[in-house]
C-alpha atoms as a PDB file:
ATOM      1  CA  ASP A   1       1.772 -67.728   5.875  1.00  0.00           C
ATOM      2  CA  PRO A   2       0.519 -66.730   9.342  1.00  0.00           C
ATOM      3  CA  ALA A   3       3.764 -67.724  11.065  1.00  0.00           C
ATOM      4  CA  ILE A   4       5.798 -65.336   8.911  1.00  0.00           C
ATOM      5  CA  GLU A   5       3.331 -62.522   9.526  1.00  0.00           C
ATOM      6  CA  ARG A   6       3.432 -63.153  13.279  1.00  0.00           C
ATOM      7  CA  TRP A   7       7.250 -63.169  13.216  1.00  0.00           C
ATOM      8  CA  ASN A   8       7.340 -59.911  11.230  1.00  0.00           C
ATOM      9  CA  ARG A   9       4.921 -58.263  13.650  1.00  0.00           C
ATOM     10  CA  MET A  10       7.061 -59.382  16.596  1.00  0.00           C
ATOM     11  CA  ARG A  11      10.196 -57.925  14.968  1.00  0.00           C
ATOM     12  CA  GLU A  12       8.461 -54.611  14.186  1.00  0.00           C
ATOM     13  CA  ASP A  13       7.118 -54.210  17.736  1.00  0.00           C
ATOM     14  CA  ALA A  14      10.197 -55.376  19.661  1.00  0.00           C
ATOM     15  CA  TYR A  15      10.980 -51.866  20.942  1.00  0.00           C
ATOM     16  CA  LYS A  16       7.552 -51.650  22.590  1.00  0.00           C
ATOM     17  CA  HIS A  17       8.296 -54.602  24.866  1.00  0.00           C
ATOM     18  CA  PHE A  18      11.986 -53.973  25.628  1.00  0.00           C
ATOM     19  CA  ARG A  19      13.138 -54.011  29.261  1.00  0.00           C
ATOM     20  CA  PHE A  20      16.534 -53.614  30.847  1.00  0.00           C
ATOM     21  CA  THR A  21      17.344 -56.946  32.427  1.00  0.00           C
ATOM     22  CA  PRO A  22      20.726 -57.993  33.831  1.00  0.00           C
ATOM     23  CA  ARG A  23      21.575 -59.573  30.474  1.00  0.00           C
ATOM     24  CA  THR A  24      20.605 -56.568  28.350  1.00  0.00           C
ATOM     25  CA  THR A  25      22.432 -54.262  30.760  1.00  0.00           C
ATOM     26  CA  TRP A  26      25.575 -56.368  30.396  1.00  0.00           C
ATOM     27  CA  VAL A  27      25.317 -56.378  26.588  1.00  0.00           C
ATOM     28  CA  THR A  28      24.803 -52.598  26.598  1.00  0.00           C
ATOM     29  CA  MET A  29      27.826 -52.038  28.841  1.00  0.00           C
ATOM     30  CA  CYS A  30      29.993 -54.224  26.627  1.00  0.00           C
ATOM     31  CA  GLY A  31      28.907 -52.484  23.460  1.00  0.00           C
ATOM     32  CA  PHE A  32      28.980 -48.880  24.618  1.00  0.00           C
ATOM     33  CA  VAL A  33      31.613 -48.807  27.380  1.00  0.00           C
ATOM     34  CA  PHE A  34      34.038 -51.734  27.316  1.00  0.00           C
ATOM     35  CA  VAL A  35      34.647 -52.049  23.569  1.00  0.00           C
ATOM     36  CA  PRO A  36      35.304 -48.318  22.962  1.00  0.00           C
ATOM     37  CA  GLY A  37      37.356 -48.204  26.167  1.00  0.00           C
ATOM     38  CA  ALA A  38      39.532 -51.079  24.972  1.00  0.00           C
ATOM     39  CA  ILE A  39      39.999 -49.452  21.579  1.00  0.00           C
ATOM     40  CA  TYR A  40      40.961 -46.158  23.223  1.00  0.00           C
ATOM     41  CA  TYR A  41      43.388 -47.921  25.571  1.00  0.00           C
ATOM     42  CA  LEU A  42      45.116 -49.761  22.725  1.00  0.00           C
ATOM     43  CA  ALA A  43      45.260 -46.622  20.590  1.00  0.00           C
ATOM     44  CA  SER A  44      46.780 -44.559  23.391  1.00  0.00           C
ATOM     45  CA  LYS A  45      49.381 -47.244  24.177  1.00  0.00           C
ATOM     46  CA  THR A  46      50.540 -47.557  20.557  1.00  0.00           C
ATOM     47  CA  HIS A  47      50.283 -43.887  19.590  1.00  0.00           C
ATOM     48  CA  LEU A  48      53.610 -42.633  18.182  1.00  0.00           C
ATOM     49  CA  LYS A  49      55.208 -46.048  18.695  1.00  0.00           C
ATOM     50  CA  TRP A  50      55.410 -46.767  14.985  1.00  0.00           C
ATOM     51  CA  SER A  51      56.717 -44.405  12.315  1.00  0.00           C
ATOM     52  CA  TRP A  52      55.957 -45.333   8.730  1.00  0.00           C
ATOM     53  CA  ALA A  53      57.049 -42.038   7.168  1.00  0.00           C
ATOM     54  CA  GLY A  54      60.350 -41.983   5.274  1.00  0.00           C
ATOM     55  CA  LYS A  55      61.534 -45.466   6.160  1.00  0.00           C
ATOM     56  CA  ARG A  56      64.144 -47.061   3.944  1.00  0.00           C
ATOM     57  CA  LYS A  57      64.791 -50.697   3.257  1.00  0.00           C
ATOM     58  CA  GLY A  58      66.389 -52.291   6.297  1.00  0.00           C
ATOM     59  CA  GLU A  59      65.325 -49.636   8.829  1.00  0.00           C
ATOM     60  CA  GLY A  60      63.059 -50.586  11.706  1.00  0.00           C
ATOM     61  CA  LEU A  61      59.591 -49.151  12.256  1.00  0.00           C
ATOM     62  CA  VAL A  62      59.878 -48.812  16.041  1.00  0.00           C
ATOM     63  CA  GLN A  63      60.973 -45.354  17.156  1.00  0.00           C
ATOM     64  CA  ALA A  64      63.892 -45.308  19.538  1.00  0.00           C
END
């Protein structure tokens, strides 16, 4: 089928025609800056807040 072959060729050569546009810049920033930054922020805010080691029944997980 010529349409499938044309689609496959387009997919294989996509990197040759790539340009940074405002949309691709925004997607890149979200993927490589904002998402890891949000994960780091949440991890640093909750670090050492919970203690799962040696808890007994009825004891809370939040460190005082």
